[in-house]
C-alpha atoms as a PDB file:
ATOM      1  CA  UNK A   1      73.500 147.833  73.076  1.00  0.00           C
ATOM      2  CA  UNK A   2      70.602 146.114  75.166  1.00  0.00           C
ATOM      3  CA  UNK A   3      67.801 148.402  76.257  1.00  0.00           C
ATOM      4  CA  UNK A   4      66.400 148.061  79.385  1.00  0.00           C
ATOM      5  CA  UNK A   5      62.916 149.073  80.947  1.00  0.00           C
ATOM      6  CA  UNK A   6      62.412 151.095  84.561  1.00  0.00           C
ATOM      7  CA  UNK A   7      59.170 152.205  86.020  1.00  0.00           C
ATOM      8  CA  UNK A   8      58.974 155.367  87.692  1.00  0.00           C
ATOM      9  CA  UNK A   9      56.802 157.498  89.579  1.00  0.00           C
ATOM     10  CA  UNK A  10      55.693 161.051  89.254  1.00  0.00           C
ATOM     11  CA  UNK A  11      57.082 163.117  92.378  1.00  0.00           C
ATOM     12  CA  UNK A  12      54.902 166.339  93.386  1.00  0.00           C
ATOM     13  CA  UNK A  13      56.300 166.975  96.903  1.00  0.00           C
ATOM     14  CA  UNK A  14      59.670 168.478  97.078  1.00  0.00           C
ATOM     15  CA  UNK A  15      62.443 168.938  99.892  1.00  0.00           C
ATOM     16  CA  UNK A  16      64.656 167.115 102.177  1.00  0.00           C
ATOM     17  CA  UNK A  17      62.215 166.031 104.284  1.00  0.00           C
ATOM     18  CA  UNK A  18      60.182 164.350 101.231  1.00  0.00           C
ATOM     19  CA  UNK A  19      63.388 163.090 100.207  1.00  0.00           C
ATOM     20  CA  UNK A  20      64.359 161.072 103.357  1.00  0.00           C
ATOM     21  CA  UNK A  21      60.922 160.030 103.747  1.00  0.00           C
ATOM     22  CA  UNK A  22      61.084 157.965  99.917  1.00  0.00           C
ATOM     23  CA  UNK A  23      64.528 156.656 101.096  1.00  0.00           C
ATOM     24  CA  UNK A  24      63.581 155.060 104.584  1.00  0.00           C
ATOM     25  CA  UNK A  25      60.187 153.424 102.323  1.00  0.00           C
ATOM     26  CA  UNK A  26      62.874 151.964  99.469  1.00  0.00           C
ATOM     27  CA  UNK A  27      62.451 154.865  97.149  1.00  0.00           C
ATOM     28  CA  UNK A  28      64.966 157.807  95.826  1.00  0.00           C
ATOM     29  CA  UNK A  29      64.403 160.710  93.835  1.00  0.00           C
ATOM     30  CA  UNK A  30      65.401 160.981  90.395  1.00  0.00           C
ATOM     31  CA  UNK A  31      64.794 163.926  87.612  1.00  0.00           C
ATOM     32  CA  UNK A  32      64.632 163.518  83.956  1.00  0.00           C
ATOM     33  CA  UNK A  33      66.069 166.398  82.094  1.00  0.00           C
ATOM     34  CA  UNK A  34      64.899 167.354  78.450  1.00  0.00           C
ATOM     35  CA  UNK A  35      66.277 169.759  76.020  1.00  0.00           C
ATOM     36  CA  UNK A  36      63.437 172.560  75.662  1.00  0.00           C
ATOM     37  CA  UNK A  37      61.766 171.567  78.834  1.00  0.00           C
ATOM     38  CA  UNK A  38      61.855 171.861  82.516  1.00  0.00           C
ATOM     39  CA  UNK A  39      63.097 168.491  84.515  1.00  0.00           C
ATOM     40  CA  UNK A  40      60.618 165.832  85.111  1.00  0.00           C
ATOM     41  CA  UNK A  41      60.713 165.083  89.199  1.00  0.00           C
ATOM     42  CA  UNK A  42      60.030 161.516  89.781  1.00  0.00           C
ATOM     43  CA  UNK A  43      60.537 158.369  92.292  1.00  0.00           C
ATOM     44  CA  UNK A  44      62.497 155.255  91.780  1.00  0.00           C
ATOM     45  CA  UNK A  45      62.375 151.859  93.601  1.00  0.00           C
ATOM     46  CA  UNK A  46      65.800 151.128  94.710  1.00  0.00           C
ATOM     47  CA  UNK A  47      66.035 147.268  94.716  1.00  0.00           C
ATOM     48  CA  UNK A  48      64.756 147.495  90.804  1.00  0.00           C
ATOM     49  CA  UNK A  49      67.362 150.574  90.274  1.00  0.00           C
ATOM     50  CA  UNK A  50      70.094 148.504  91.796  1.00  0.00           C
ATOM     51  CA  UNK A  51      69.377 145.221  89.866  1.00  0.00           C
ATOM     52  CA  UNK A  52      68.939 146.911  86.742  1.00  0.00           C
ATOM     53  CA  UNK A  53      72.456 147.828  87.116  1.00  0.00           C
ATOM     54  CA  UNK A  54      74.127 144.792  88.131  1.00  0.00           C
ATOM     55  CA  UNK A  55      72.782 143.458  84.832  1.00  0.00           C
ATOM     56  CA  UNK A  56      74.807 145.726  83.098  1.00  0.00           C
ATOM     57  CA  UNK A  57      79.001 145.985  82.887  1.00  0.00           C
ATOM     58  CA  UNK A  58      78.804 149.577  82.893  1.00  0.00           C
ATOM     59  CA  UNK A  59      76.584 152.771  83.604  1.00  0.00           C
ATOM     60  CA  UNK A  60      76.423 153.252  79.665  1.00  0.00           C
ATOM     61  CA  UNK A  61      72.754 152.027  78.866  1.00  0.00           C
ATOM     62  CA  UNK A  62      69.534 153.322  76.929  1.00  0.00           C
ATOM     63  CA  UNK A  63      66.455 153.115  79.021  1.00  0.00           C
ATOM     64  CA  UNK A  64      63.133 152.952  78.296  1.00  0.00           C
ATOM     65  CA  UNK A  65      61.750 154.979  81.146  1.00  0.00           C
ATOM     66  CA  UNK A  66      58.073 154.110  82.208  1.00  0.00           C
ATOM     67  CA  UNK A  67      56.545 157.083  84.331  1.00  0.00           C
ATOM     68  CA  UNK A  68      53.308 156.534  85.451  1.00  0.00           C
ATOM     69  CA  UNK A  69      50.525 159.105  84.361  1.00  0.00           C
ATOM     70  CA  UNK A  70      52.140 159.958  81.410  1.00  0.00           C
ATOM     71  CA  UNK A  71      51.299 158.848  77.905  1.00  0.00           C
ATOM     72  CA  UNK A  72      54.750 156.956  76.613  1.00  0.00           C
ATOM     73  CA  UNK A  73      57.871 155.624  77.939  1.00  0.00           C
ATOM     74  CA  UNK A  74      60.912 158.169  77.544  1.00  0.00           C
ATOM     75  CA  UNK A  75      64.334 157.154  75.957  1.00  0.00           C
ATOM     76  CA  UNK A  76      66.741 158.312  78.227  1.00  0.00           C
ATOM     77  CA  UNK A  77      70.630 157.692  80.004  1.00  0.00           C
ATOM     78  CA  UNK A  78      72.112 157.736  83.023  1.00  0.00           C
ATOM     79  CA  UNK A  79      73.467 161.325  83.384  1.00  0.00           C
ATOM     80  CA  UNK A  80      74.822 161.123  87.264  1.00  0.00           C
ATOM     81  CA  UNK A  81      74.183 158.994  90.013  1.00  0.00           C
ATOM     82  CA  UNK A  82      74.720 160.618  93.646  1.00  0.00           C
ATOM     83  CA  UNK A  83      75.648 158.107  96.378  1.00  0.00           C
ATOM     84  CA  UNK A  84      75.534 158.462 100.047  1.00  0.00           C
ATOM     85  CA  UNK A  85      79.099 159.373 101.413  1.00  0.00           C
ATOM     86  CA  UNK A  86      78.710 156.828 104.299  1.00  0.00           C
ATOM     87  CA  UNK A  87      76.374 153.941 103.249  1.00  0.00           C
ATOM     88  CA  UNK A  88      77.042 153.895  99.881  1.00  0.00           C
ATOM     89  CA  UNK A  89      73.279 153.764  98.847  1.00  0.00           C
ATOM     90  CA  UNK A  90      71.865 155.754  96.255  1.00  0.00           C
ATOM     91  CA  UNK A  91      69.957 158.727  97.071  1.00  0.00           C
ATOM     92  CA  UNK A  92      69.344 160.989  93.527  1.00  0.00           C
ATOM     93  CA  UNK A  93      70.082 160.226  89.917  1.00  0.00           C
ATOM     94  CA  UNK A  94      69.843 162.428  87.363  1.00  0.00           C
ATOM     95  CA  UNK A  95      68.671 160.957  83.559  1.00  0.00           C
ATOM     96  CA  UNK A  96      68.284 162.972  80.343  1.00  0.00           C
ATOM     97  CA  UNK A  97      66.024 162.135  76.940  1.00  0.00           C
ATOM     98  CA  UNK A  98      67.903 161.336  74.124  1.00  0.00           C
ATOM     99  CA  UNK A  99      66.792 161.154  70.530  1.00  0.00           C
ATOM    100  CA  UNK A 100      67.668 157.869  68.653  1.00  0.00           C
ATOM    101  CA  UNK A 101      68.304 159.912  65.595  1.00  0.00           C
ATOM    102  CA  UNK A 102      70.683 162.502  67.265  1.00  0.00           C
ATOM    103  CA  UNK A 103      74.532 161.602  67.796  1.00  0.00           C
ATOM    104  CA  UNK A 104      75.707 161.634  71.354  1.00  0.00           C
ATOM    105  CA  UNK A 105      78.999 162.878  73.296  1.00  0.00           C
ATOM    106  CA  UNK A 106      79.742 160.206  75.814  1.00  0.00           C
ATOM    107  CA  UNK A 107      82.668 158.208  77.879  1.00  0.00           C
ATOM    108  CA  UNK A 108      83.093 155.015  77.240  1.00  0.00           C
ATOM    109  CA  UNK A 109      85.453 152.889  79.858  1.00  0.00           C
ATOM    110  CA  UNK A 110      88.339 150.610  78.646  1.00  0.00           C
ATOM    111  CA  UNK A 111      88.543 146.812  79.776  1.00  0.00           C
ATOM    112  CA  UNK A 112      91.828 145.356  79.479  1.00  0.00           C
ATOM    113  CA  UNK A 113      92.285 142.103  78.507  1.00  0.00           C
ATOM    114  CA  UNK A 114      94.499 139.314  78.930  1.00  0.00           C
ATOM    115  CA  UNK A 115      97.822 139.032  81.090  1.00  0.00           C
ATOM    116  CA  UNK A 116     100.467 141.007  79.911  1.00  0.00           C
ATOM    117  CA  UNK A 117     103.851 138.874  78.933  1.00  0.00           C
ATOM    118  CA  UNK A 118     106.038 142.050  80.398  1.00  0.00           C
ATOM    119  CA  UNK A 119     104.167 140.979  83.674  1.00  0.00           C
ATOM    120  CA  UNK A 120     103.922 137.523  83.927  1.00  0.00           C
ATOM    121  CA  UNK A 121     107.163 136.964  82.374  1.00  0.00           C
ATOM    122  CA  UNK A 122     109.474 139.466  82.922  1.00  0.00           C
ATOM    123  CA  UNK A 123     108.376 141.052  86.299  1.00  0.00           C
ATOM    124  CA  UNK A 124     106.986 144.578  84.709  1.00  0.00           C
ATOM    125  CA  UNK A 125     104.334 146.420  86.691  1.00  0.00           C
ATOM    126  CA  UNK A 126     101.201 147.295  84.217  1.00  0.00           C
ATOM    127  CA  UNK A 127     100.169 150.791  84.441  1.00  0.00           C
ATOM    128  CA  UNK A 128      96.401 152.007  83.206  1.00  0.00           C
ATOM    129  CA  UNK A 129      96.752 155.453  82.249  1.00  0.00           C
ATOM    130  CA  UNK A 130      93.664 155.990  80.053  1.00  0.00           C
ATOM    131  CA  UNK A 131      90.685 154.410  81.471  1.00  0.00           C
ATOM    132  CA  UNK A 132      88.118 155.437  79.291  1.00  0.00           C
ATOM    133  CA  UNK A 133      87.753 156.845  75.701  1.00  0.00           C
ATOM    134  CA  UNK A 134      85.298 160.079  74.774  1.00  0.00           C
ATOM    135  CA  UNK A 135      83.648 159.214  71.418  1.00  0.00           C
ATOM    136  CA  UNK A 136      80.502 160.470  69.620  1.00  0.00           C
ATOM    137  CA  UNK A 137      77.832 157.968  67.976  1.00  0.00           C
ATOM    138  CA  UNK A 138      74.219 157.389  67.950  1.00  0.00           C
ATOM    139  CA  UNK A 139      72.366 156.081  71.074  1.00  0.00           C
ATOM    140  CA  UNK A 140      71.833 152.831  69.285  1.00  0.00           C
ATOM    141  CA  UNK A 141      75.618 152.333  68.788  1.00  0.00           C
ATOM    142  CA  UNK A 142      76.670 152.717  72.064  1.00  0.00           C
ATOM    143  CA  UNK A 143      78.785 149.679  73.616  1.00  0.00           C
ATOM    144  CA  UNK A 144      79.114 149.738  77.533  1.00  0.00           C
ATOM    145  CA  UNK A 145      82.625 149.267  77.300  1.00  0.00           C
ATOM    146  CA  UNK A 146      85.771 149.293  75.010  1.00  0.00           C
ATOM    147  CA  UNK A 147      88.216 146.095  75.111  1.00  0.00           C
ATOM    148  CA  UNK A 148      92.071 146.433  74.824  1.00  0.00           C
ATOM    149  CA  UNK A 149      94.150 143.059  74.363  1.00  0.00           C
ATOM    150  CA  UNK A 150      97.487 143.710  76.489  1.00  0.00           C
ATOM    151  CA  UNK A 151      98.457 139.861  76.451  1.00  0.00           C
ATOM    152  CA  UNK A 152     101.465 140.620  74.145  1.00  0.00           C
ATOM    153  CA  UNK A 153     102.700 143.858  75.961  1.00  0.00           C
ATOM    154  CA  UNK A 154     105.945 143.434  77.285  1.00  0.00           C
ATOM    155  CA  UNK A 155     108.349 145.694  79.524  1.00  0.00           C
ATOM    156  CA  UNK A 156     108.924 149.295  78.339  1.00  0.00           C
ATOM    157  CA  UNK A 157     105.965 148.864  75.438  1.00  0.00           C
ATOM    158  CA  UNK A 158     102.859 150.837  75.257  1.00  0.00           C
ATOM    159  CA  UNK A 159      99.312 150.671  74.033  1.00  0.00           C
ATOM    160  CA  UNK A 160      97.979 154.329  72.631  1.00  0.00           C
ATOM    161  CA  UNK A 161      94.230 154.950  71.657  1.00  0.00           C
ATOM    162  CA  UNK A 162      95.098 154.381  67.958  1.00  0.00           C
ATOM    163  CA  UNK A 163      95.952 150.911  69.005  1.00  0.00           C
ATOM    164  CA  UNK A 164      92.501 150.532  70.560  1.00  0.00           C
ATOM    165  CA  UNK A 165      90.096 148.691  68.237  1.00  0.00           C
ATOM    166  CA  UNK A 166      86.508 150.105  67.762  1.00  0.00           C
ATOM    167  CA  UNK A 167      84.070 150.036  64.763  1.00  0.00           C
ATOM    168  CA  UNK A 168      84.812 153.207  63.360  1.00  0.00           C
ATOM    169  CA  UNK A 169      81.651 153.317  61.179  1.00  0.00           C
ATOM    170  CA  UNK A 170      79.695 153.724  64.217  1.00  0.00           C
ATOM    171  CA  UNK A 171      82.044 155.106  67.034  1.00  0.00           C
ATOM    172  CA  UNK A 172      84.318 158.096  66.399  1.00  0.00           C
ATOM    173  CA  UNK A 173      86.929 158.674  68.733  1.00  0.00           C
ATOM    174  CA  UNK A 174      88.004 162.271  69.956  1.00  0.00           C
ATOM    175  CA  UNK A 175      90.789 161.568  72.123  1.00  0.00           C
ATOM    176  CA  UNK A 176      94.192 162.637  70.925  1.00  0.00           C
ATOM    177  CA  UNK A 177      95.759 159.447  69.190  1.00  0.00           C
ATOM    178  CA  UNK A 178      98.770 159.507  70.803  1.00  0.00           C
ATOM    179  CA  UNK A 179      97.665 159.266  74.161  1.00  0.00           C
ATOM    180  CA  UNK A 180      98.929 156.186  76.344  1.00  0.00           C
ATOM    181  CA  UNK A 181      96.593 154.063  77.001  1.00  0.00           C
ATOM    182  CA  UNK A 182      98.487 151.372  79.208  1.00  0.00           C
ATOM    183  CA  UNK A 183     101.963 151.025  79.401  1.00  0.00           C
ATOM    184  CA  UNK A 184     104.472 148.058  81.524  1.00  0.00           C
ATOM    185  CA  UNK A 185     107.158 149.634  83.399  1.00  0.00           C
ATOM    186  CA  UNK A 186     110.112 148.020  84.252  1.00  0.00           C
ATOM    187  CA  UNK A 187     110.278 146.474  87.456  1.00  0.00           C
ATOM    188  CA  UNK A 188     112.198 148.173  90.309  1.00  0.00           C
ATOM    189  CA  UNK A 189     115.564 147.069  91.749  1.00  0.00           C
ATOM    190  CA  UNK A 190     116.267 146.667  95.531  1.00  0.00           C
ATOM    191  CA  UNK A 191     118.145 150.049  95.620  1.00  0.00           C
ATOM    192  CA  UNK A 192     115.037 151.878  94.045  1.00  0.00           C
ATOM    193  CA  UNK A 193     112.090 150.114  96.215  1.00  0.00           C
ATOM    194  CA  UNK A 194     114.540 151.109  99.556  1.00  0.00           C
ATOM    195  CA  UNK A 195     115.231 154.850  97.958  1.00  0.00           C
ATOM    196  CA  UNK A 196     111.398 154.815  97.485  1.00  0.00           C
ATOM    197  CA  UNK A 197     110.524 153.726 100.885  1.00  0.00           C
ATOM    198  CA  UNK A 198     113.305 156.298 102.313  1.00  0.00           C
ATOM    199  CA  UNK A 199     111.614 159.316 100.391  1.00  0.00           C
ATOM    200  CA  UNK A 200     107.938 158.007 101.482  1.00  0.00           C
ATOM    201  CA  UNK A 201     109.043 158.022 104.953  1.00  0.00           C
ATOM    202  CA  UNK A 202     111.134 161.370 105.012  1.00  0.00           C
ATOM    203  CA  UNK A 203     107.782 162.948 103.325  1.00  0.00           C
ATOM    204  CA  UNK A 204     105.626 161.478 106.151  1.00  0.00           C
ATOM    205  CA  UNK A 205     107.879 162.800 108.828  1.00  0.00           C
ATOM    206  CA  UNK A 206     108.149 166.205 107.335  1.00  0.00           C
ATOM    207  CA  UNK A 207     104.554 166.687 106.977  1.00  0.00           C
ATOM    208  CA  UNK A 208     103.720 167.632 110.502  1.00  0.00           C
ATOM    209  CA  UNK A 209     106.601 170.091 111.129  1.00  0.00           C
ATOM    210  CA  UNK A 210     105.904 171.731 107.986  1.00  0.00           C
ATOM    211  CA  UNK A 211     102.144 172.302 109.159  1.00  0.00           C
ATOM    212  CA  UNK A 212     103.542 173.407 112.553  1.00  0.00           C
ATOM    213  CA  UNK A 213     106.080 175.904 111.399  1.00  0.00           C
ATOM    214  CA  UNK A 214     103.114 177.398 109.339  1.00  0.00           C
ATOM    215  CA  UNK A 215     100.997 177.758 112.159  1.00  0.00           C
ATOM    216  CA  UNK A 216     103.752 179.381 114.079  1.00  0.00           C
ATOM    217  CA  UNK A 217     104.220 181.950 111.263  1.00  0.00           C
ATOM    218  CA  UNK A 218     100.746 182.317 110.968  1.00  0.00           C
ATOM    219  CA  UNK A 219     100.841 183.072 114.831  1.00  0.00           C
ATOM    220  CA  UNK A 220     103.867 185.369 114.440  1.00  0.00           C
ATOM    221  CA  UNK A 221     102.293 187.478 111.864  1.00  0.00           C
ATOM    222  CA  UNK A 222      98.926 187.681 113.991  1.00  0.00           C
ATOM    223  CA  UNK A 223     101.045 188.799 116.828  1.00  0.00           C
ATOM    224  CA  UNK A 224     102.420 191.036 114.728  1.00  0.00           C
ATOM    225  CA  UNK A 225      99.579 192.776 113.093  1.00  0.00           C
ATOM    226  CA  UNK A 226      98.193 193.097 116.608  1.00  0.00           C
ATOM    227  CA  UNK A 227     101.172 195.320 117.603  1.00  0.00           C
ATOM    228  CA  UNK A 228     100.750 197.130 114.402  1.00  0.00           C
ATOM    229  CA  UNK A 229      97.420 197.882 115.555  1.00  0.00           C
ATOM    230  CA  UNK A 230      98.066 199.157 119.424  1.00  0.00           C
ATOM    231  CA  UNK A 231      99.834 202.660 118.434  1.00  0.00           C
ATOM    232  CA  UNK A 232      97.236 203.210 115.892  1.00  0.00           C
ATOM    233  CA  UNK A 233      94.201 203.223 118.797  1.00  0.00           C
ATOM    234  CA  UNK A 234      96.592 204.970 121.100  1.00  0.00           C
ATOM    235  CA  UNK A 235      96.939 208.069 118.337  1.00  0.00           C
ATOM    236  CA  UNK A 236      93.199 207.896 117.811  1.00  0.00           C
ATOM    237  CA  UNK A 237      92.622 208.596 121.590  1.00  0.00           C
END
């Protein structure tokens, strides 16, 4: 796997106010976690980080993280990226420090390759059931994604975990070998399409009625409870 370099600065001030000020200047807060030591608080340039992500096919990457003011770079991997719920901008990142000689357990995305015969020629529907594999490997053997050729897949056929080709000398797949990864479902008939649309319409129409009934029931229960409380107060008097 290609290794990437990233530069960061130590971060001393804490709190939401400081984090907001950082983001307004084009930076965001981050933390580097390591085994047996507290997290290291840092700041990262947002533009540099986004450009780095765009150069990779997935977020599975090894970084040489240089923190200004420290002696040597940290070998790290991305642990979590937090995005703003409205703007989508990155607001916080967690890294974890790794050892290149110790195996890691990680999730690797599955990329489907090719146009299935069952879709192109037979009108079937592709169902991508399992989108990633759980694997253990040394950091240096990690891949950004695992390709699965689906071009020969016909209607009614499936590909399972054991059909995914990986370098078994480097990657150990932890998922159930019989777990379905991708399938080609038969196309629906016009009657089935109409029945499905009717069912969806009926479910949508029934939604508000159920909520209304629930509120009415809650109101009735509330009135009943109040009715029960009144005699108790009179008895106390």
